[in-house]
PDB file of all heavy atoms in Angstrom:
ATOM      1  N   GLY A   1       0.832  -1.192   0.001  1.00  0.00           N
ATOM      2  CA  GLY A   1      -0.001   0.002   0.002  1.00  0.00           C
ATOM      3  C   GLY A   1       0.878   1.251   0.006  1.00  0.00           C
ATOM      4  O   GLY A   1       1.941   1.291  -0.619  1.00  0.00           O
ATOM      5  N   GLU A   2       0.438   2.273   0.736  1.00  0.00           N
ATOM      6  CA  GLU A   2       1.200   3.516   0.790  1.00  0.00           C
ATOM      7  C   GLU A   2       2.568   3.314   1.429  1.00  0.00           C
ATOM      8  O   GLU A   2       3.561   3.908   1.006  1.00  0.00           O
ATOM      9  CB  GLU A   2       0.408   4.578   1.570  1.00  0.00           C
ATOM     10  CG  GLU A   2      -0.882   5.006   0.863  1.00  0.00           C
ATOM     11  CD  GLU A   2      -1.592   6.097   1.667  1.00  0.00           C
ATOM     12  OE1 GLU A   2      -1.006   6.582   2.642  1.00  0.00           O
ATOM     13  OE2 GLU A   2      -2.714   6.439   1.281  1.00  0.00           O
ATOM     14  N   ILE A   3       2.616   2.484   2.479  1.00  0.00           N
ATOM     15  CA  ILE A   3       3.871   2.197   3.171  1.00  0.00           C
ATOM     16  C   ILE A   3       4.268   0.760   2.786  1.00  0.00           C
ATOM     17  O   ILE A   3       3.429  -0.153   2.900  1.00  0.00           O
ATOM     18  CB  ILE A   3       3.707   2.290   4.689  1.00  0.00           C
ATOM     19  CG1 ILE A   3       3.202   3.677   5.078  1.00  0.00           C
ATOM     20  CG2 ILE A   3       5.025   1.990   5.396  1.00  0.00           C
ATOM     21  CD1 ILE A   3       2.829   3.805   6.531  1.00  0.00           C
ATOM     22  N   PRO A   4       5.502   0.499   2.336  1.00  0.00           N
ATOM     23  CA  PRO A   4       5.917  -0.864   2.037  1.00  0.00           C
ATOM     24  C   PRO A   4       5.655  -1.770   3.230  1.00  0.00           C
ATOM     25  O   PRO A   4       5.959  -1.397   4.378  1.00  0.00           O
ATOM     26  CB  PRO A   4       7.430  -0.701   1.775  1.00  0.00           C
ATOM     27  CG  PRO A   4       7.587   0.700   1.279  1.00  0.00           C
ATOM     28  CD  PRO A   4       6.557   1.491   2.065  1.00  0.00           C
ATOM     29  N   LEU A   5       5.091  -2.951   2.991  1.00  0.00           N
ATOM     30  CA  LEU A   5       4.659  -3.803   4.082  1.00  0.00           C
ATOM     31  C   LEU A   5       5.820  -4.326   4.904  1.00  0.00           C
ATOM     32  O   LEU A   5       5.677  -4.534   6.122  1.00  0.00           O
ATOM     33  CB  LEU A   5       3.841  -4.959   3.508  1.00  0.00           C
ATOM     34  CG  LEU A   5       2.511  -4.559   2.873  1.00  0.00           C
ATOM     35  CD1 LEU A   5       1.786  -5.769   2.304  1.00  0.00           C
ATOM     36  CD2 LEU A   5       1.614  -3.840   3.900  1.00  0.00           C
ATOM     37  N   ILE A   6       6.979  -4.572   4.296  1.00  0.00           N
ATOM     38  CA  ILE A   6       8.141  -5.021   5.070  1.00  0.00           C
ATOM     39  C   ILE A   6       8.533  -3.921   6.064  1.00  0.00           C
ATOM     40  O   ILE A   6       8.818  -4.209   7.248  1.00  0.00           O
ATOM     41  CB  ILE A   6       9.334  -5.342   4.158  1.00  0.00           C
ATOM     42  CG1 ILE A   6       8.988  -6.508   3.229  1.00  0.00           C
ATOM     43  CG2 ILE A   6      10.572  -5.698   4.998  1.00  0.00           C
ATOM     44  CD1 ILE A   6      10.093  -6.885   2.268  1.00  0.00           C
ATOM     45  N   GLU A   7       8.540  -2.718   5.607  1.00  0.00           N
ATOM     46  CA  GLU A   7       8.877  -1.578   6.469  1.00  0.00           C
ATOM     47  C   GLU A   7       7.887  -1.487   7.625  1.00  0.00           C
ATOM     48  O   GLU A   7       8.255  -1.274   8.779  1.00  0.00           O
ATOM     49  CB  GLU A   7       8.868  -0.302   5.622  1.00  0.00           C
ATOM     50  CG  GLU A   7       9.222   0.957   6.367  1.00  0.00           C
ATOM     51  CD  GLU A   7       9.203   2.187   5.473  1.00  0.00           C
ATOM     52  OE1 GLU A   7       9.675   2.085   4.312  1.00  0.00           O
ATOM     53  OE2 GLU A   7       8.720   3.243   5.920  1.00  0.00           O
ATOM     54  N   ARG A   8       6.600  -1.651   7.301  1.00  0.00           N
ATOM     55  CA  ARG A   8       5.580  -1.554   8.347  1.00  0.00           C
ATOM     56  C   ARG A   8       5.729  -2.673   9.372  1.00  0.00           C
ATOM     57  O   ARG A   8       5.619  -2.438  10.578  1.00  0.00           O
ATOM     58  CB  ARG A   8       4.192  -1.644   7.718  1.00  0.00           C
ATOM     59  CG  ARG A   8       3.065  -1.508   8.719  1.00  0.00           C
ATOM     60  CD  ARG A   8       1.696  -1.375   8.078  1.00  0.00           C
ATOM     61  NE  ARG A   8       0.642  -1.199   9.061  1.00  0.00           N
ATOM     62  CZ  ARG A   8       0.331  -0.059   9.649  1.00  0.00           C
ATOM     63  NH1 ARG A   8       1.005   1.033   9.355  1.00  0.00           N
ATOM     64  NH2 ARG A   8      -0.654   0.024  10.539  1.00  0.00           N
ATOM     65  N   ALA A   9       5.999  -3.885   8.908  1.00  0.00           N
ATOM     66  CA  ALA A   9       6.156  -5.023   9.847  1.00  0.00           C
ATOM     67  C   ALA A   9       7.310  -4.808  10.807  1.00  0.00           C
ATOM     68  O   ALA A   9       7.195  -5.050  12.017  1.00  0.00           O
ATOM     69  CB  ALA A   9       6.346  -6.323   9.050  1.00  0.00           C
ATOM     70  N   LEU A  10       8.434  -4.364  10.283  1.00  0.00           N
ATOM     71  CA  LEU A  10       9.626  -4.149  11.121  1.00  0.00           C
ATOM     72  C   LEU A  10       9.399  -2.983  12.101  1.00  0.00           C
ATOM     73  O   LEU A  10       9.824  -3.059  13.250  1.00  0.00           O
ATOM     74  CB  LEU A  10      10.840  -3.868  10.243  1.00  0.00           C
ATOM     75  CG  LEU A  10      11.339  -5.064   9.422  1.00  0.00           C
ATOM     76  CD1 LEU A  10      12.462  -4.635   8.475  1.00  0.00           C
ATOM     77  CD2 LEU A  10      11.820  -6.193  10.326  1.00  0.00           C
ATOM     78  N   GLU A  11       8.739  -1.954  11.642  1.00  0.00           N
ATOM     79  CA  GLU A  11       8.476  -0.814  12.526  1.00  0.00           C
ATOM     80  C   GLU A  11       7.553  -1.206  13.670  1.00  0.00           C
ATOM     81  O   GLU A  11       7.840  -0.896  14.847  1.00  0.00           O
ATOM     82  CB  GLU A  11       7.859   0.347  11.725  1.00  0.00           C
ATOM     83  CG  GLU A  11       8.829   1.025  10.762  1.00  0.00           C
ATOM     84  CD  GLU A  11       8.145   2.039   9.867  1.00  0.00           C
ATOM     85  OE1 GLU A  11       6.885   2.126   9.886  1.00  0.00           O
ATOM     86  OE2 GLU A  11       8.870   2.748   9.140  1.00  0.00           O
ATOM     87  N   LEU A  12       6.463  -1.878  13.347  1.00  0.00           N
ATOM     88  CA  LEU A  12       5.525  -2.306  14.377  1.00  0.00           C
ATOM     89  C   LEU A  12       6.196  -3.301  15.339  1.00  0.00           C
ATOM     90  O   LEU A  12       6.025  -3.223  16.551  1.00  0.00           O
ATOM     91  CB  LEU A  12       4.285  -2.913  13.781  1.00  0.00           C
ATOM     92  CG  LEU A  12       3.375  -1.974  12.980  1.00  0.00           C
ATOM     93  CD1 LEU A  12       2.152  -2.741  12.441  1.00  0.00           C
ATOM     94  CD2 LEU A  12       2.916  -0.793  13.823  1.00  0.00           C
ATOM     95  N   GLY A  13       6.932  -4.229  14.777  1.00  0.00           N
ATOM     96  CA  GLY A  13       7.617  -5.229  15.604  1.00  0.00           C
ATOM     97  C   GLY A  13       8.600  -4.581  16.574  1.00  0.00           C
ATOM     98  O   GLY A  13       8.662  -4.964  17.753  1.00  0.00           O
ATOM     99  N   ALA A  14       9.325  -3.592  16.099  1.00  0.00           N
ATOM    100  CA  ALA A  14      10.320  -2.929  16.960  1.00  0.00           C
ATOM    101  C   ALA A  14       9.654  -2.152  18.085  1.00  0.00           C
ATOM    102  O   ALA A  14      10.025  -2.268  19.263  1.00  0.00           O
ATOM    103  CB  ALA A  14      11.197  -1.993  16.109  1.00  0.00           C
ATOM    104  N   ILE A  15       8.649  -1.325  17.765  1.00  0.00           N
ATOM    105  CA  ILE A  15       8.047  -0.481  18.806  1.00  0.00           C
ATOM    106  C   ILE A  15       7.233  -1.338  19.821  1.00  0.00           C
ATOM    107  O   ILE A  15       7.214  -1.027  21.003  1.00  0.00           O
ATOM    108  CB  ILE A  15       7.191   0.656  18.225  1.00  0.00           C
ATOM    109  CG1 ILE A  15       6.013   0.122  17.420  1.00  0.00           C
ATOM    110  CG2 ILE A  15       8.049   1.601  17.418  1.00  0.00           C
ATOM    111  CD1 ILE A  15       5.042   1.222  16.967  1.00  0.00           C
ATOM    112  N   PHE A  16       6.582  -2.392  19.320  1.00  0.00           N
ATOM    113  CA  PHE A  16       5.847  -3.256  20.242  1.00  0.00           C
ATOM    114  C   PHE A  16       6.804  -4.005  21.182  1.00  0.00           C
ATOM    115  O   PHE A  16       6.505  -4.203  22.353  1.00  0.00           O
ATOM    116  CB  PHE A  16       5.005  -4.268  19.462  1.00  0.00           C
ATOM    117  CG  PHE A  16       3.829  -3.650  18.729  1.00  0.00           C
ATOM    118  CD1 PHE A  16       3.150  -4.353  17.748  1.00  0.00           C
ATOM    119  CD2 PHE A  16       3.424  -2.357  18.999  1.00  0.00           C
ATOM    120  CE1 PHE A  16       2.074  -3.791  17.076  1.00  0.00           C
ATOM    121  CE2 PHE A  16       2.344  -1.787  18.333  1.00  0.00           C
ATOM    122  CZ  PHE A  16       1.660  -2.510  17.357  1.00  0.00           C
ATOM    123  N   THR A  17       7.947  -4.415  20.667  1.00  0.00           N
ATOM    124  CA  THR A  17       8.935  -5.076  21.499  1.00  0.00           C
ATOM    125  C   THR A  17       9.494  -4.121  22.544  1.00  0.00           C
ATOM    126  O   THR A  17       9.703  -4.490  23.707  1.00  0.00           O
ATOM    127  CB  THR A  17      10.091  -5.659  20.650  1.00  0.00           C
ATOM    128  OG1 THR A  17       9.555  -6.600  19.724  1.00  0.00           O
ATOM    129  CG2 THR A  17      11.133  -6.350  21.515  1.00  0.00           C
ATOM    130  N   CYS A  18       9.720  -2.867  22.136  1.00  0.00           N
ATOM    131  CA  CYS A  18      10.228  -1.866  23.087  1.00  0.00           C
ATOM    132  C   CYS A  18       9.285  -1.686  24.278  1.00  0.00           C
ATOM    133  O   CYS A  18       9.727  -1.654  25.428  1.00  0.00           O
ATOM    134  CB  CYS A  18      10.425  -0.526  22.373  1.00  0.00           C
ATOM    135  SG  CYS A  18      11.825  -0.491  21.226  1.00  0.00           S
ATOM    136  N   VAL A  19       8.000  -1.535  24.009  1.00  0.00           N
ATOM    137  CA  VAL A  19       7.073  -1.298  25.110  1.00  0.00           C
ATOM    138  C   VAL A  19       6.840  -2.571  25.929  1.00  0.00           C
ATOM    139  O   VAL A  19       6.511  -2.482  27.120  1.00  0.00           O
ATOM    140  CB  VAL A  19       5.719  -0.701  24.635  1.00  0.00           C
ATOM    141  CG1 VAL A  19       5.924   0.666  24.036  1.00  0.00           C
ATOM    142  CG2 VAL A  19       5.008  -1.632  23.658  1.00  0.00           C
ATOM    143  N   GLU A  20       7.037  -3.734  25.349  1.00  0.00           N
ATOM    144  CA  GLU A  20       6.983  -4.974  26.128  1.00  0.00           C
ATOM    145  C   GLU A  20       8.086  -4.956  27.201  1.00  0.00           C
ATOM    146  O   GLU A  20       7.887  -5.402  28.326  1.00  0.00           O
ATOM    147  CB  GLU A  20       7.157  -6.192  25.224  1.00  0.00           C
ATOM    148  CG  GLU A  20       5.909  -6.609  24.513  1.00  0.00           C
ATOM    149  CD  GLU A  20       6.112  -7.880  23.690  1.00  0.00           C
ATOM    150  OE1 GLU A  20       7.203  -8.461  23.776  1.00  0.00           O
ATOM    151  OE2 GLU A  20       5.185  -8.239  22.945  1.00  0.00           O
ATOM    152  N   THR A  21       9.255  -4.453  26.822  1.00  0.00           N
ATOM    153  CA  THR A  21      10.350  -4.374  27.803  1.00  0.00           C
ATOM    154  C   THR A  21       9.978  -3.428  28.939  1.00  0.00           C
ATOM    155  O   THR A  21      10.355  -3.657  30.102  1.00  0.00           O
ATOM    156  CB  THR A  21      11.679  -3.925  27.160  1.00  0.00           C
ATOM    157  OG1 THR A  21      11.615  -2.546  26.803  1.00  0.00           O
ATOM    158  CG2 THR A  21      12.023  -4.748  25.943  1.00  0.00           C
ATOM    159  N   VAL A  22       9.256  -2.368  28.635  1.00  0.00           N
ATOM    160  CA  VAL A  22       8.826  -1.422  29.678  1.00  0.00           C
ATOM    161  C   VAL A  22       7.961  -2.126  30.715  1.00  0.00           C
ATOM    162  O   VAL A  22       8.181  -1.998  31.918  1.00  0.00           O
ATOM    163  CB  VAL A  22       8.059  -0.226  29.066  1.00  0.00           C
ATOM    164  CG1 VAL A  22       7.434   0.631  30.173  1.00  0.00           C
ATOM    165  CG2 VAL A  22       8.996   0.625  28.224  1.00  0.00           C
ATOM    166  N   GLY A  23       6.980  -2.902  30.238  1.00  0.00           N
ATOM    167  CA  GLY A  23       6.116  -3.626  31.158  1.00  0.00           C
ATOM    168  C   GLY A  23       6.883  -4.631  32.002  1.00  0.00           C
ATOM    169  O   GLY A  23       6.679  -4.757  33.207  1.00  0.00           O
ATOM    170  N   GLY A  24       7.832  -5.344  31.353  1.00  0.00           N
ATOM    171  CA  GLY A  24       8.652  -6.307  32.085  1.00  0.00           C
ATOM    172  C   GLY A  24       9.519  -5.640  33.123  1.00  0.00           C
ATOM    173  O   GLY A  24       9.638  -6.115  34.261  1.00  0.00           O
ATOM    174  N   MET A  25      10.117  -4.509  32.753  1.00  0.00           N
ATOM    175  CA  MET A  25      10.992  -3.802  33.703  1.00  0.00           C
ATOM    176  C   MET A  25      10.209  -3.272  34.888  1.00  0.00           C
ATOM    177  O   MET A  25      10.680  -3.304  36.038  1.00  0.00           O
ATOM    178  CB  MET A  25      11.701  -2.650  32.983  1.00  0.00           C
ATOM    179  CG  MET A  25      12.874  -3.100  32.119  1.00  0.00           C
ATOM    180  SD  MET A  25      13.861  -1.700  31.503  1.00  0.00           S
ATOM    181  CE  MET A  25      12.896  -1.205  30.095  1.00  0.00           C
ATOM    182  N   GLU A  26       9.018  -2.745  34.658  1.00  0.00           N
ATOM    183  CA  GLU A  26       8.220  -2.227  35.758  1.00  0.00           C
ATOM    184  C   GLU A  26       7.857  -3.355  36.744  1.00  0.00           C
ATOM    185  O   GLU A  26       7.854  -3.137  37.967  1.00  0.00           O
ATOM    186  CB  GLU A  26       6.955  -1.548  35.220  1.00  0.00           C
ATOM    187  CG  GLU A  26       7.242  -0.212  34.536  1.00  0.00           C
ATOM    188  CD  GLU A  26       5.991   0.512  34.079  1.00  0.00           C
ATOM    189  OE1 GLU A  26       4.967  -0.162  33.872  1.00  0.00           O
ATOM    190  OE2 GLU A  26       6.045   1.746  33.954  1.00  0.00           O
ATOM    191  N   GLN A  27       7.580  -4.520  36.214  1.00  0.00           N
ATOM    192  CA  GLN A  27       7.251  -5.633  37.099  1.00  0.00           C
ATOM    193  C   GLN A  27       8.466  -6.068  37.898  1.00  0.00           C
ATOM    194  O   GLN A  27       8.363  -6.382  39.095  1.00  0.00           O
ATOM    195  CB  GLN A  27       6.720  -6.812  36.270  1.00  0.00           C
ATOM    196  CG  GLN A  27       6.288  -8.024  37.076  1.00  0.00           C
ATOM    197  CD  GLN A  27       5.036  -7.755  37.910  1.00  0.00           C
ATOM    198  OE1 GLN A  27       4.427  -6.688  37.817  1.00  0.00           O
ATOM    199  NE2 GLN A  27       4.664  -8.721  38.729  1.00  0.00           N
ATOM    200  N   VAL A  28       9.627  -6.085  37.272  1.00  0.00           N
ATOM    201  CA  VAL A  28      10.858  -6.443  37.963  1.00  0.00           C
ATOM    202  C   VAL A  28      11.134  -5.456  39.090  1.00  0.00           C
ATOM    203  O   VAL A  28      11.502  -5.823  40.219  1.00  0.00           O
ATOM    204  CB  VAL A  28      12.047  -6.512  36.980  1.00  0.00           C
ATOM    205  CG1 VAL A  28      13.375  -6.588  37.740  1.00  0.00           C
ATOM    206  CG2 VAL A  28      11.898  -7.701  36.051  1.00  0.00           C
ATOM    207  N   LEU A  29      10.965  -4.158  38.810  1.00  0.00           N
ATOM    208  CA  LEU A  29      11.183  -3.141  39.835  1.00  0.00           C
ATOM    209  C   LEU A  29      10.164  -3.294  40.970  1.00  0.00           C
ATOM    210  O   LEU A  29      10.539  -3.150  42.162  1.00  0.00           O
ATOM    211  CB  LEU A  29      11.073  -1.741  39.225  1.00  0.00           C
ATOM    212  CG  LEU A  29      11.240  -0.557  40.212  1.00  0.00           C
ATOM    213  CD1 LEU A  29      12.579  -0.635  40.926  1.00  0.00           C
ATOM    214  CD2 LEU A  29      11.081   0.770  39.489  1.00  0.00           C
ATOM    215  N   ASP A  30       8.929  -3.595  40.647  1.00  0.00           N
ATOM    216  CA  ASP A  30       7.912  -3.785  41.686  1.00  0.00           C
ATOM    217  C   ASP A  30       8.295  -4.953  42.589  1.00  0.00           C
ATOM    218  O   ASP A  30       8.177  -4.868  43.830  1.00  0.00           O
ATOM    219  CB  ASP A  30       6.542  -4.058  41.054  1.00  0.00           C
ATOM    220  CG  ASP A  30       5.926  -2.808  40.428  1.00  0.00           C
ATOM    221  OD1 ASP A  30       6.426  -1.702  40.702  1.00  0.00           O
ATOM    222  OD2 ASP A  30       4.971  -2.966  39.641  1.00  0.00           O
ATOM    223  N   LEU A  31       8.734  -6.049  42.011  1.00  0.00           N
ATOM    224  CA  LEU A  31       9.165  -7.215  42.799  1.00  0.00           C
ATOM    225  C   LEU A  31      10.347  -6.883  43.665  1.00  0.00           C
ATOM    226  O   LEU A  31      10.392  -7.259  44.851  1.00  0.00           O
ATOM    227  CB  LEU A  31       9.501  -8.385  41.861  1.00  0.00           C
ATOM    228  CG  LEU A  31       8.353  -9.014  41.068  1.00  0.00           C
ATOM    229  CD1 LEU A  31       8.888 -10.006  40.043  1.00  0.00           C
ATOM    230  CD2 LEU A  31       7.374  -9.717  42.012  1.00  0.00           C
ATOM    231  N   ALA A  32      11.323  -6.197  43.073  1.00  0.00           N
ATOM    232  CA  ALA A  32      12.547  -5.866  43.810  1.00  0.00           C
ATOM    233  C   ALA A  32      12.286  -4.900  44.958  1.00  0.00           C
ATOM    234  O   ALA A  32      12.802  -5.068  46.083  1.00  0.00           O
ATOM    235  CB  ALA A  32      13.587  -5.294  42.854  1.00  0.00           C
ATOM    236  N   SER A  33      11.478  -3.864  44.704  1.00  0.00           N
ATOM    237  CA  SER A  33      11.211  -2.877  45.760  1.00  0.00           C
ATOM    238  C   SER A  33      10.381  -3.478  46.891  1.00  0.00           C
ATOM    239  O   SER A  33      10.615  -3.178  48.063  1.00  0.00           O
ATOM    240  CB  SER A  33      10.508  -1.654  45.171  1.00  0.00           C
ATOM    241  OG  SER A  33       9.283  -2.007  44.567  1.00  0.00           O
ATOM    242  N   ALA A  34       9.435  -4.367  46.550  1.00  0.00           N
ATOM    243  CA  ALA A  34       8.623  -5.035  47.588  1.00  0.00           C
ATOM    244  C   ALA A  34       9.514  -5.921  48.449  1.00  0.00           C
ATOM    245  O   ALA A  34       9.374  -5.939  49.689  1.00  0.00           O
ATOM    246  CB  ALA A  34       7.519  -5.864  46.933  1.00  0.00           C
ATOM    247  N   TYR A  35      10.452  -6.620  47.834  1.00  0.00           N
ATOM    248  CA  TYR A  35      11.363  -7.484  48.582  1.00  0.00           C
ATOM    249  C   TYR A  35      12.272  -6.657  49.482  1.00  0.00           C
ATOM    250  O   TYR A  35      12.557  -7.025  50.628  1.00  0.00           O
ATOM    251  CB  TYR A  35      12.198  -8.322  47.626  1.00  0.00           C
ATOM    252  CG  TYR A  35      13.139  -9.287  48.287  1.00  0.00           C
ATOM    253  CD1 TYR A  35      12.676 -10.452  48.877  1.00  0.00           C
ATOM    254  CD2 TYR A  35      14.522  -9.005  48.350  1.00  0.00           C
ATOM    255  CE1 TYR A  35      13.560 -11.337  49.485  1.00  0.00           C
ATOM    256  CE2 TYR A  35      15.392  -9.875  48.963  1.00  0.00           C
ATOM    257  CZ  TYR A  35      14.903 -11.045  49.536  1.00  0.00           C
ATOM    258  OH  TYR A  35      15.783 -11.915  50.155  1.00  0.00           O
ATOM    259  N   ALA A  36      12.744  -5.501  48.967  1.00  0.00           N
ATOM    260  CA  ALA A  36      13.637  -4.644  49.746  1.00  0.00           C
ATOM    261  C   ALA A  36      12.956  -4.102  50.999  1.00  0.00           C
ATOM    262  O   ALA A  36      13.614  -3.794  52.007  1.00  0.00           O
ATOM    263  CB  ALA A  36      14.134  -3.479  48.896  1.00  0.00           C
ATOM    264  N   LYS A  37      11.637  -3.964  50.978  1.00  0.00           N
ATOM    265  CA  LYS A  37      10.898  -3.497  52.154  1.00  0.00           C
ATOM    266  C   LYS A  37      10.671  -4.600  53.165  1.00  0.00           C
ATOM    267  O   LYS A  37      10.481  -4.347  54.356  1.00  0.00           O
ATOM    268  CB  LYS A  37       9.544  -2.913  51.704  1.00  0.00           C
ATOM    269  CG  LYS A  37       9.649  -1.675  50.826  1.00  0.00           C
ATOM    270  CD  LYS A  37       8.295  -1.258  50.293  1.00  0.00           C
ATOM    271  CE  LYS A  37       8.411  -0.077  49.331  1.00  0.00           C
ATOM    272  NZ  LYS A  37       7.103   0.275  48.728  1.00  0.00           N
ATOM    273  N   GLU A  38      10.659  -5.866  52.685  1.00  0.00           N
ATOM    274  CA  GLU A  38      10.339  -6.995  53.559  1.00  0.00           C
ATOM    275  C   GLU A  38      11.591  -7.664  54.127  1.00  0.00           C
ATOM    276  O   GLU A  38      11.620  -8.073  55.298  1.00  0.00           O
ATOM    277  CB  GLU A  38       9.519  -8.031  52.792  1.00  0.00           C
ATOM    278  CG  GLU A  38       8.172  -7.521  52.321  1.00  0.00           C
ATOM    279  CD  GLU A  38       7.482  -8.491  51.382  1.00  0.00           C
ATOM    280  OE1 GLU A  38       8.070  -9.554  51.122  1.00  0.00           O
ATOM    281  OE2 GLU A  38       6.352  -8.201  50.930  1.00  0.00           O
ATOM    282  N   ARG A  39      12.614  -7.795  53.309  1.00  0.00           N
ATOM    283  CA  ARG A  39      13.832  -8.509  53.710  1.00  0.00           C
ATOM    284  C   ARG A  39      14.637  -7.683  54.712  1.00  0.00           C
ATOM    285  O   ARG A  39      14.951  -6.520  54.436  1.00  0.00           O
ATOM    286  CB  ARG A  39      14.702  -8.795  52.477  1.00  0.00           C
ATOM    287  CG  ARG A  39      16.050  -9.444  52.788  1.00  0.00           C
ATOM    288  CD  ARG A  39      15.865 -10.906  53.156  1.00  0.00           C
ATOM    289  NE  ARG A  39      17.143 -11.600  53.103  1.00  0.00           N
ATOM    290  CZ  ARG A  39      17.997 -11.718  54.140  1.00  0.00           C
ATOM    291  NH1 ARG A  39      17.699 -11.117  55.281  1.00  0.00           N
ATOM    292  NH2 ARG A  39      19.112 -12.370  54.018  1.00  0.00           N
TER     293      ARG A  39
END
């Protein structure tokens, strides 16, 4: 279409993977901070 599909696939894949790391990192920090308050 207007945007080459290979380009679109790589762009979406990259940005979706980036925000997945954000969610994972926030969970890791939540686990670590909760443990630091208890241990």
